Protein backbone atom coordinates (compact mmCIF):
# COMPACT_ATOMS: atom_id res chain seq x y z
CA MET A 1 -23.32 -27.13 -13.38
CA ALA A 2 -21.62 -24.76 -15.81
CA ARG A 3 -17.85 -24.91 -15.93
CA ALA A 4 -17.62 -21.18 -15.15
CA GLU A 5 -19.50 -21.73 -11.91
CA VAL A 6 -17.25 -24.63 -10.95
CA SER A 7 -14.12 -22.49 -11.28
CA VAL A 8 -15.58 -19.75 -9.06
CA VAL A 9 -17.03 -22.12 -6.48
CA GLU A 10 -13.92 -24.27 -6.42
CA ALA A 11 -11.69 -21.24 -5.83
CA ALA A 12 -13.93 -19.99 -3.03
CA GLY A 13 -14.18 -23.47 -1.50
CA ARG A 14 -10.44 -24.10 -1.55
CA PHE A 15 -9.90 -20.77 0.14
CA LEU A 16 -12.41 -21.45 2.93
CA GLU A 17 -10.93 -24.90 3.49
CA SER A 18 -7.49 -23.36 4.09
CA PHE A 19 -8.63 -22.12 7.51
CA LYS A 20 -8.18 -24.65 10.29
CA ARG A 21 -9.69 -22.53 13.06
CA PRO A 22 -12.79 -20.30 13.38
CA VAL A 23 -12.34 -16.93 11.64
CA ARG A 24 -14.34 -13.85 10.74
CA LEU A 25 -13.71 -12.59 7.22
CA LEU A 26 -14.39 -9.07 5.94
CA ILE A 27 -15.24 -8.95 2.21
CA ALA A 28 -14.25 -5.73 0.44
CA ILE A 29 -17.14 -5.12 -1.95
CA SER A 30 -17.53 -2.25 -4.40
CA GLY A 31 -20.52 -3.64 -6.25
CA GLY A 32 -18.48 -4.48 -9.34
CA SER A 33 -18.65 -7.94 -10.86
CA ASP A 34 -15.52 -9.31 -9.18
CA SER A 35 -16.34 -8.36 -5.60
CA THR A 36 -20.02 -9.20 -6.04
CA GLY A 37 -19.04 -12.63 -7.33
CA LEU A 38 -16.74 -13.19 -4.37
CA LEU A 39 -19.42 -12.25 -1.87
CA VAL A 40 -22.13 -14.36 -3.52
CA ALA A 41 -19.85 -17.41 -3.81
CA LEU A 42 -18.66 -17.23 -0.20
CA ALA A 43 -22.13 -16.48 1.17
CA THR A 44 -23.63 -19.39 -0.76
CA LEU A 45 -21.02 -21.85 0.48
CA CYS A 46 -21.25 -20.68 4.10
CA ALA A 47 -25.06 -20.78 4.00
CA ALA A 48 -24.86 -24.46 3.06
CA GLY A 49 -23.39 -25.16 6.50
CA ARG A 50 -20.12 -26.62 5.25
CA TYR A 51 -17.96 -24.06 7.08
CA PRO A 52 -19.55 -23.52 10.52
CA GLY A 53 -16.42 -21.87 11.94
CA ILE A 54 -16.38 -19.09 9.36
CA SER A 55 -18.47 -15.93 9.62
CA LEU A 56 -18.67 -13.18 6.99
CA CYS A 57 -19.09 -9.42 7.06
CA ALA A 58 -18.56 -6.83 4.33
CA CYS A 59 -17.36 -3.28 3.80
CA THR A 60 -17.73 -0.82 0.93
CA ILE A 61 -15.25 2.02 0.55
CA ASP A 62 -16.88 5.14 -0.88
CA HIS A 63 -14.01 7.16 -2.35
CA ALA A 64 -16.36 10.09 -2.99
CA LEU A 65 -14.68 10.68 -6.35
CA ARG A 66 -17.76 10.77 -8.58
CA PRO A 67 -21.50 11.45 -8.37
CA GLY A 68 -23.58 8.47 -7.38
CA SER A 69 -20.95 6.65 -5.32
CA ALA A 70 -22.98 7.00 -2.11
CA GLU A 71 -26.06 5.58 -3.82
CA GLU A 72 -24.02 2.63 -5.12
CA ALA A 73 -22.94 1.87 -1.55
CA VAL A 74 -26.62 1.71 -0.57
CA VAL A 75 -27.27 -0.80 -3.37
CA VAL A 76 -24.37 -2.93 -2.13
CA ALA A 77 -25.70 -2.78 1.42
CA ALA A 78 -29.04 -4.12 0.16
CA LEU A 79 -27.26 -6.99 -1.65
CA CYS A 80 -25.43 -7.93 1.54
CA ALA A 81 -28.69 -7.79 3.51
CA ARG A 82 -30.28 -10.29 1.08
CA TYR A 83 -27.48 -12.73 1.84
CA GLY A 84 -27.57 -12.05 5.58
CA ILE A 85 -24.11 -10.47 5.69
CA PRO A 86 -23.48 -7.48 8.01
CA HIS A 87 -22.31 -4.50 5.94
CA THR A 88 -20.68 -1.15 6.63
CA THR A 89 -19.61 1.76 4.44
CA ARG A 90 -16.50 3.85 5.02
CA ARG A 91 -16.09 7.12 3.14
CA TRP A 92 -12.92 8.91 2.03
CA ASP A 93 -13.67 12.46 3.08
CA GLY A 94 -11.51 15.54 2.59
CA ASP A 95 -9.48 16.93 -0.29
CA LYS A 96 -8.21 14.58 -2.99
CA PRO A 97 -4.78 14.86 -4.65
CA ALA A 98 -4.53 16.39 -8.11
CA THR A 99 -1.93 13.83 -9.22
CA ALA A 100 -1.41 10.09 -8.62
CA LEU A 101 -5.08 9.85 -7.69
CA GLN A 102 -5.43 6.10 -8.17
CA ALA A 103 -2.39 5.36 -5.99
CA ALA A 104 -3.72 7.65 -3.26
CA ALA A 105 -7.18 6.08 -3.52
CA ARG A 106 -5.70 2.59 -3.27
CA ALA A 107 -3.67 3.51 -0.18
CA LYS A 108 -6.70 5.11 1.47
CA ARG A 109 -8.89 2.15 0.58
CA TYR A 110 -6.52 -0.26 2.31
CA GLU A 111 -6.26 2.03 5.32
CA LEU A 112 -10.04 2.25 5.67
CA LEU A 113 -10.47 -1.48 5.14
CA ALA A 114 -7.93 -2.25 7.87
CA GLU A 115 -9.80 0.08 10.24
CA ALA A 116 -13.12 -1.57 9.34
CA ALA A 117 -11.69 -5.06 9.87
CA ILE A 118 -10.36 -4.18 13.31
CA ALA A 119 -13.68 -2.56 14.26
CA ALA A 120 -15.59 -5.65 13.09
CA GLY A 121 -13.27 -8.08 14.87
CA ALA A 122 -12.34 -9.64 11.52
CA ASP A 123 -9.31 -11.89 11.23
CA ALA A 124 -8.70 -11.02 7.57
CA ILE A 125 -9.90 -8.94 4.64
CA LEU A 126 -10.85 -10.45 1.28
CA SER A 127 -10.28 -8.65 -2.02
CA ALA A 128 -11.64 -9.90 -5.35
CA HIS A 129 -8.69 -9.33 -7.68
CA THR A 130 -8.86 -11.78 -10.60
CA ARG A 131 -6.44 -13.33 -13.06
CA ASP A 132 -7.18 -10.37 -15.38
CA ASP A 133 -5.99 -7.94 -12.70
CA GLN A 134 -2.89 -10.03 -12.16
CA ASN A 135 -1.99 -10.05 -15.86
CA GLU A 136 -2.45 -6.28 -16.06
CA THR A 137 -0.32 -5.75 -12.97
CA VAL A 138 2.55 -7.84 -14.30
CA ALA A 139 2.37 -6.06 -17.68
CA MET A 140 2.47 -2.65 -15.98
CA ARG A 141 5.38 -3.58 -13.74
CA ALA A 142 7.32 -5.11 -16.62
CA GLU A 143 7.42 -1.69 -18.27
CA ARG A 144 9.05 -0.01 -15.28
CA SER A 145 10.82 -2.90 -13.57
CA ALA A 146 14.31 -2.54 -12.15
CA GLY A 147 16.20 -5.73 -12.87
CA GLY A 148 13.10 -7.90 -12.94
CA VAL A 149 12.19 -7.30 -9.30
CA GLY A 150 8.44 -6.93 -8.98
CA LEU A 151 7.47 -9.04 -11.99
CA SER A 152 5.76 -11.46 -9.61
CA GLY A 153 2.70 -9.23 -9.65
CA MET A 154 0.22 -9.29 -6.79
CA ALA A 155 0.67 -11.64 -3.86
CA ASP A 156 -2.18 -13.94 -2.84
CA ALA A 157 -1.98 -12.41 0.66
CA VAL A 158 -0.75 -9.07 2.00
CA LEU A 159 -0.31 -7.78 5.55
CA LEU A 160 -1.82 -4.29 5.87
CA HIS A 161 -0.38 -1.81 8.38
CA GLY A 162 1.34 -4.65 10.22
CA ALA A 163 -2.02 -5.69 11.65
CA VAL A 164 -4.52 -7.33 9.27
CA TRP A 165 -3.97 -9.82 6.46
CA LEU A 166 -5.74 -9.27 3.12
CA PHE A 167 -6.35 -12.29 0.88
CA ARG A 168 -7.09 -12.51 -2.86
CA PRO A 169 -8.93 -15.82 -3.35
CA PHE A 170 -9.77 -15.18 -7.04
CA LEU A 171 -6.28 -14.54 -8.45
CA ALA A 172 -6.54 -17.72 -10.54
CA VAL A 173 -10.11 -17.00 -11.74
CA ASP A 174 -10.98 -15.17 -14.99
CA ARG A 175 -13.31 -12.17 -14.79
CA GLU A 176 -15.56 -13.67 -17.45
CA ALA A 177 -15.98 -16.76 -15.27
CA VAL A 178 -17.06 -14.57 -12.36
CA ARG A 179 -19.61 -12.76 -14.54
CA ALA A 180 -20.96 -16.04 -15.91
CA PHE A 181 -21.33 -17.26 -12.33
CA LEU A 182 -23.31 -14.14 -11.37
CA SER A 183 -25.52 -14.39 -14.43
CA ALA A 184 -26.30 -18.01 -13.59
CA HIS A 185 -27.41 -16.85 -10.13
CA GLY A 186 -29.51 -13.99 -11.49
CA GLU A 187 -27.26 -11.34 -9.98
CA THR A 188 -26.20 -8.07 -11.60
CA TRP A 189 -23.31 -5.73 -10.83
CA ILE A 190 -22.27 -2.10 -11.06
CA ASP A 191 -19.92 -0.96 -13.82
CA ASP A 192 -17.51 1.74 -12.62
CA PRO A 193 -17.01 4.32 -15.42
CA SER A 194 -13.44 4.94 -14.26
CA ASN A 195 -12.61 1.47 -15.60
CA ALA A 196 -12.86 2.99 -19.09
CA ASN A 197 -10.92 6.20 -18.32
CA THR A 198 -7.64 6.12 -20.25
CA ARG A 199 -6.13 8.70 -17.88
CA PHE A 200 -5.26 5.72 -15.73
CA GLU A 201 -2.35 3.41 -16.57
CA ARG A 202 -4.23 0.21 -15.73
CA VAL A 203 -7.03 1.12 -18.14
CA ARG A 204 -4.54 1.77 -20.94
CA VAL A 205 -2.87 -1.57 -20.30
CA ARG A 206 -6.25 -3.32 -20.18
CA GLN A 207 -7.27 -1.89 -23.55
CA ARG A 208 -3.97 -2.64 -25.22
CA ALA A 209 -4.10 -5.52 -27.66
CA GLY A 210 -1.97 -8.50 -26.78
CA VAL A 211 -2.05 -8.26 -22.98
CA GLY A 212 -2.67 -11.87 -22.11
CA GLU A 213 -1.49 -14.47 -19.66
CA GLN A 214 1.60 -13.17 -17.88
CA GLY A 215 2.10 -15.64 -15.05
CA ASN A 216 2.72 -14.38 -11.55
CA GLY A 217 6.12 -15.71 -10.52
CA GLY A 218 5.08 -15.86 -6.86
CA GLY A 219 7.26 -18.89 -6.26
CA ASP A 220 10.27 -17.14 -7.76
CA ARG A 221 9.65 -14.07 -5.60
CA LEU A 222 9.37 -16.23 -2.48
CA ALA A 223 12.64 -17.98 -3.33
CA LEU A 224 14.30 -14.58 -3.88
CA SER A 225 12.95 -13.39 -0.53
CA GLU A 226 14.21 -16.47 1.30
CA LYS A 227 17.69 -16.13 -0.19
CA ALA A 228 17.80 -12.40 0.60
CA ALA A 229 16.71 -13.18 4.15
CA GLY A 230 19.52 -15.69 4.54
CA PHE A 231 22.03 -13.15 3.27
CA LEU A 232 20.92 -10.53 5.81
CA THR A 233 20.81 -13.02 8.68
CA ARG A 234 24.34 -14.20 8.00
CA ASN A 235 26.00 -10.91 7.17
CA VAL A 236 24.34 -7.88 8.77
CA CYS A 237 24.50 -6.53 12.29
CA MET A 238 23.46 -3.20 13.79
CA GLU A 239 25.57 -1.08 16.12
CA ASN A 240 25.03 2.49 17.28
CA GLY A 241 22.36 3.12 14.66
CA ALA A 242 24.41 1.81 11.71
CA PHE A 243 23.98 -1.40 9.74
CA ILE A 244 27.34 -3.11 9.14
CA LEU A 245 28.34 -5.56 6.41
CA ALA A 246 31.76 -7.20 6.14
CA THR A 247 33.75 -6.67 2.93
CA GLU A 248 33.02 -10.23 1.82
CA ALA A 249 29.28 -9.59 2.16
CA VAL A 250 29.56 -6.58 -0.14
CA ASP A 251 31.18 -8.78 -2.78
CA THR A 252 28.35 -11.30 -2.37
CA ALA A 253 25.73 -8.58 -2.85
CA LEU A 254 27.39 -7.47 -6.08
CA ALA A 255 27.47 -11.02 -7.44
CA ASP A 256 24.08 -12.37 -6.31
CA CYS A 257 20.71 -10.85 -7.26
CA ALA A 258 18.99 -12.07 -4.08
CA ALA A 259 21.70 -10.60 -1.86
CA TRP A 260 21.51 -7.36 -3.85
CA ARG A 261 17.77 -7.28 -3.28
CA GLY A 262 18.39 -7.74 0.44
CA LEU A 263 20.89 -4.87 0.46
CA LEU A 264 18.46 -2.53 -1.34
CA VAL A 265 15.63 -3.30 1.09
CA LEU A 266 18.04 -2.87 4.00
CA ALA A 267 18.98 0.55 2.63
CA ALA A 268 15.32 1.54 2.29
CA THR A 269 14.81 0.55 5.92
CA ALA A 270 17.84 2.58 7.03
CA GLY A 271 16.49 5.61 5.16
CA GLY A 272 12.91 5.23 6.33
CA ARG A 273 11.74 4.92 2.71
CA VAL A 274 8.85 2.85 1.42
CA HIS A 275 10.54 2.10 -1.91
CA VAL A 276 14.01 0.82 -2.74
CA LEU A 277 16.41 2.95 -4.76
CA GLU A 278 15.34 3.88 -8.26
CA THR A 279 17.26 2.18 -11.07
CA ALA A 280 19.69 5.05 -11.73
CA SER A 281 20.57 5.43 -8.03
CA ALA A 282 20.92 1.68 -7.60
CA GLU A 283 23.34 1.50 -10.53
CA ARG A 284 25.32 4.42 -9.10
CA LEU A 285 25.56 2.53 -5.79
CA ARG A 286 26.64 -0.64 -7.57
CA ALA A 287 29.41 1.19 -9.40
CA PHE A 288 30.60 2.78 -6.15
CA LEU A 289 30.73 -0.54 -4.30
CA ALA A 290 32.37 -2.36 -7.21
CA SER A 291 35.14 0.24 -7.34
CA GLY A 292 36.29 -0.68 -3.84
CA THR A 293 36.89 3.00 -3.07
CA LEU A 294 37.12 3.78 0.65
CA SER A 295 34.77 6.72 0.65
CA ARG A 296 31.15 7.69 1.19
CA LEU A 297 28.18 7.84 -1.15
CA THR A 298 24.72 9.12 -0.28
CA ALA A 299 21.59 7.78 -2.00
CA GLY A 300 17.99 7.49 -0.89
CA ARG A 301 18.67 9.40 2.38
CA VAL A 302 21.29 6.79 3.33
CA VAL A 303 25.06 7.14 3.67
CA PHE A 304 26.98 4.15 2.30
CA ASP A 305 30.27 4.46 4.18
CA ARG A 306 32.94 2.13 2.77
CA ARG A 307 35.76 1.38 5.23
CA ARG A 308 38.51 -1.22 5.34
CA GLU A 309 36.51 -3.20 7.89
CA GLY A 310 33.36 -3.21 5.77
CA LEU A 311 30.33 -1.19 4.69
CA PHE A 312 28.33 0.96 7.08
CA LEU A 313 24.78 2.10 6.22
CA TYR A 314 23.11 4.88 8.20
CA ARG A 315 20.57 7.65 7.77
CA GLU A 316 22.14 10.91 6.60
CA CYS A 317 21.58 13.74 9.06
CA ARG A 318 19.76 15.95 6.59
CA GLY A 319 16.08 16.58 5.90
CA ILE A 320 15.03 15.06 9.23
CA GLU A 321 12.08 17.07 10.46
CA ARG A 322 10.97 17.47 14.05
CA LEU A 323 7.71 15.84 15.06
CA VAL A 324 5.42 16.85 17.91
CA VAL A 325 3.49 13.98 19.50
CA SER A 326 0.63 15.03 21.75
CA ALA A 327 -0.08 13.41 25.11
CA GLY A 328 -1.55 9.94 24.72
CA GLU A 329 -0.87 9.85 20.98
CA ALA A 330 1.45 7.83 18.73
CA ALA A 331 3.09 8.78 15.44
CA VAL A 332 5.80 7.68 13.02
CA TRP A 333 8.98 9.75 12.93
CA ASP A 334 11.17 9.89 9.82
CA GLY A 335 9.78 6.58 8.57
CA ARG A 336 12.03 4.78 11.06
CA TYR A 337 10.42 4.84 14.50
CA ARG A 338 6.94 4.74 15.97
CA VAL A 339 6.80 7.08 18.97
CA SER A 340 4.17 6.48 21.66
CA ASN A 341 3.66 9.29 24.16
CA GLY A 342 2.34 8.10 27.50
CA SER A 343 3.04 11.36 29.29
CA ARG A 344 0.70 14.24 30.10
CA GLY A 345 2.49 16.70 27.83
CA SER A 346 3.59 16.94 24.22
CA ILE A 347 6.88 15.40 23.15
CA VAL A 348 9.17 16.79 20.46
CA ILE A 349 11.28 14.26 18.58
CA GLY A 350 14.16 15.26 16.32
CA ALA A 351 17.59 14.03 15.25
CA VAL A 352 20.38 14.12 17.83
CA GLY A 353 22.66 16.09 15.52
CA ASN A 354 19.99 18.59 14.52
CA ASP A 355 19.00 19.34 18.11
CA GLY A 356 22.47 20.33 19.23
CA HIS A 357 22.93 17.22 21.36
CA THR A 358 26.10 15.99 19.71
CA ASP A 359 27.72 14.12 22.58
CA GLY A 360 29.22 11.14 20.80
CA GLN A 361 29.90 9.15 23.95
CA GLY A 362 33.41 8.42 22.69
CA LEU A 363 32.18 7.34 19.24
CA ARG A 364 34.15 8.08 16.08
CA GLY A 365 33.81 7.71 12.33
CA PRO A 366 30.64 6.00 11.00
CA ALA A 367 29.32 5.34 14.51
CA LEU A 368 29.45 9.03 15.39
CA ARG A 369 27.84 10.08 12.10
CA ALA A 370 25.13 7.45 12.49
CA ARG A 371 24.38 8.64 16.02
CA LYS A 372 23.64 12.16 14.79
CA ALA A 373 20.63 10.85 12.85
CA MET A 374 19.24 8.91 15.82
CA PRO A 375 16.10 10.12 17.61
CA CYS A 376 16.22 12.59 20.49
CA LEU A 377 13.07 12.99 22.61
CA ARG A 378 12.39 16.16 24.60
CA PHE A 379 9.42 17.79 26.22
CA GLU A 380 8.44 21.16 24.78
CA ASP A 381 10.32 22.92 27.58
CA GLY A 382 13.53 21.09 26.59
CA ALA A 383 13.54 18.56 29.44
CA PRO A 384 14.63 15.06 28.41
CA VAL A 385 12.01 12.33 28.09
CA THR A 386 12.49 9.20 30.15
CA GLY A 387 11.66 5.72 28.95
CA ASP A 388 8.83 5.22 31.42
CA VAL A 389 6.61 7.86 29.77
CA ALA A 390 7.37 7.27 26.09
CA SER A 391 8.46 4.41 23.89
CA LEU A 392 10.29 4.07 20.58
CA GLU A 393 9.63 1.13 18.28
CA ALA A 394 11.78 0.58 15.20
CA ILE A 395 9.76 0.04 12.03
CA LEU A 396 10.51 -1.28 8.56
CA ALA A 397 9.29 1.41 6.18
CA PRO A 398 9.23 -0.86 3.08
CA TYR A 399 6.79 -3.22 4.82
CA ALA A 400 5.10 -1.06 7.48
CA GLN A 401 1.97 -0.50 5.40
CA PHE A 402 2.05 -3.29 2.83
CA LEU A 403 3.81 -6.65 3.23
CA PRO A 404 3.23 -9.28 0.48
CA ARG A 405 3.25 -12.83 1.79
CA PHE A 406 6.12 -13.80 -0.52
CA ASP A 407 8.30 -11.12 1.15
CA LEU A 408 7.55 -12.31 4.68
CA PRO A 409 10.90 -14.17 5.09
CA LEU A 410 12.85 -11.05 4.08
CA ALA A 411 10.76 -8.82 6.35
CA ALA A 412 11.22 -11.23 9.26
CA ALA A 413 15.00 -11.23 8.81
CA LEU A 414 15.07 -7.43 8.71
CA ALA A 415 12.96 -7.23 11.85
CA THR A 416 15.43 -9.47 13.67
CA VAL A 417 18.42 -7.35 12.60
CA LEU A 418 16.62 -4.14 13.52
CA GLY A 419 15.17 -5.41 16.79
CA ALA A 420 11.65 -4.66 15.54
CA PRO A 421 8.54 -6.66 16.53
CA ASP A 422 7.75 -9.84 14.61
CA PHE A 423 5.10 -9.77 11.89
CA PRO A 424 1.96 -11.87 12.47
CA SER A 425 1.53 -14.96 10.30
CA PRO A 426 -1.49 -15.28 7.98
CA PRO A 427 -4.47 -16.77 9.87
CA ASN A 428 -4.68 -19.76 7.48
CA GLU A 429 -1.14 -20.91 8.25
């Protein structure tokens, strides 16, 4: 057996062996060499009867971005049929953004894959990213990294939308090995012309001379996450809508990169933001905290309120839009809360301070200011909403849509502080 085939089959086999209970796996397949190789390798191993508890299905996402994409999905469906794998196609309909198209397409792809997995009763999604993709990702992130955070590249597993885990079994496999494996099995693949379009950053990085083995640093990122989680668990509490750190904890955050990482993710959560502060804002925050000044600084929609008793973090009461949630529906408000409406009428949710309901219940200082940015639920006629007809669930914006496995300890610690639901563990743990 050719060495290329061994590397592909071994990677697929090790992955299947990691599951200790019956599972259904959804393979994300575009028809390109990587995803075709993943499907063929897994289908071949499962057909041999070595993994009776594992069943496979597949899904193609048609982004509808170029002519012929629908026809390519039909070709992929035929491939899956040859291997006896149930297949479905999900299409990205509607207008497409004029800028940041690849990022939008990636987000929509994951959203549609998560929906397809839930509909198929799948326990996990499989994506065919290879070592080549990993090296490109690390090279891209190195060019825009803030203090080295993010240089770990892609995680081997990611929780999508807090509901479905996505695995990348081929992260240690070279693309050329996958293509050699397919050729040995008489299989062809579809070449996406966008992979040669230099409008996209990844393509430019791929074509650049000298982009080679970068490493992934996953172990370092996990260690950073575990240390950041310990810092938050020991030093952060939440009262009246504000996160509170003692003065000593602020000093620790300034001196320790893991604690600083924890503080930045905590701030993103307080502000309902997916991303942590940009480098310039983070440095401005560091300078403010290092000065010891008893004052307030606002960055990333968060007020950092330095008092003698410690540091208070809370959402600033600006730019908080009202949200109308129809009867029987659920929606996310301000990136901080998921609102579920179990009533028969629409509910309007806004900030306490913006809706004129400023009763501070005897609160003062940071507690009063934090309360003004807390949610206020009313029916459209102004009547207050009671807890038996609607529910509020705190969410962690940095990890609500996309949680890498190596950040799971940090996310779990944040959920505990915030009183948010626990994240599910990967199904092979």
